[in-house]
Amino acid sequence: MEDYKNALGWRLRWDALRGSLPVLDLLGCAALLVVFWQYFSQASALPQPLNKIDIGAGGFPTLLAIATLIAIVAVAVAAVIRMLDPVPVTWVSIRRPFYVLATVGLLFLQSIYFEKLGALPSVLIFALLTMLACGERRPLHLIGVPLALAAFIYVVFNLALDVNLP
């Protein structure tokens, strides 16, 4: 059997996805472009500031969306340039692609249940589940990291900034 690390070309196995870096960059850019275009459209719908020198409720999210969309386009252009370059293509491997997709799914679910569960329970539950999906199995880490993350969020937002989270 051919050595997997030295094999060239596309490979899809249950434990790894191997592909061309520019093509994987373009696929990632396409997915991010869809997400951040939706984010930009929602941020643009937020109310404009009453004061012309103020950033307003939608100012920061809109700036964040525009900056991210510019960065996504820059990465996509760089990927196209690398594809057209006569230099040999760089091949990369994504280990455990199904666990990566599971983690993406958990982050998506967290965004849905954030307001329904509340900020701190959501962070506790989904931090634990994300760590499990990423392969963490040490009990102290599985307990300590979500607790530390929730405590940090509580201290910063509730105590320091006096922001009431859902």
Foldseek 3Di string as FASTA:
>chain_A
DDDPVPDDDFDDDQFKTKHFVLVVLLVVLVVVLVVLVVQLVVLVPADQDPDPVDCDPSNVSNVVSVVVNVVSVVSNVVSVVQVVDPPDTDMDMDGNVVLVVVLVVLVVVLVVCCVVVDPLVSLLVSVLVNCVSVPDDDVCCSNPVSVVVSVVCCCVACPVVVHDTD
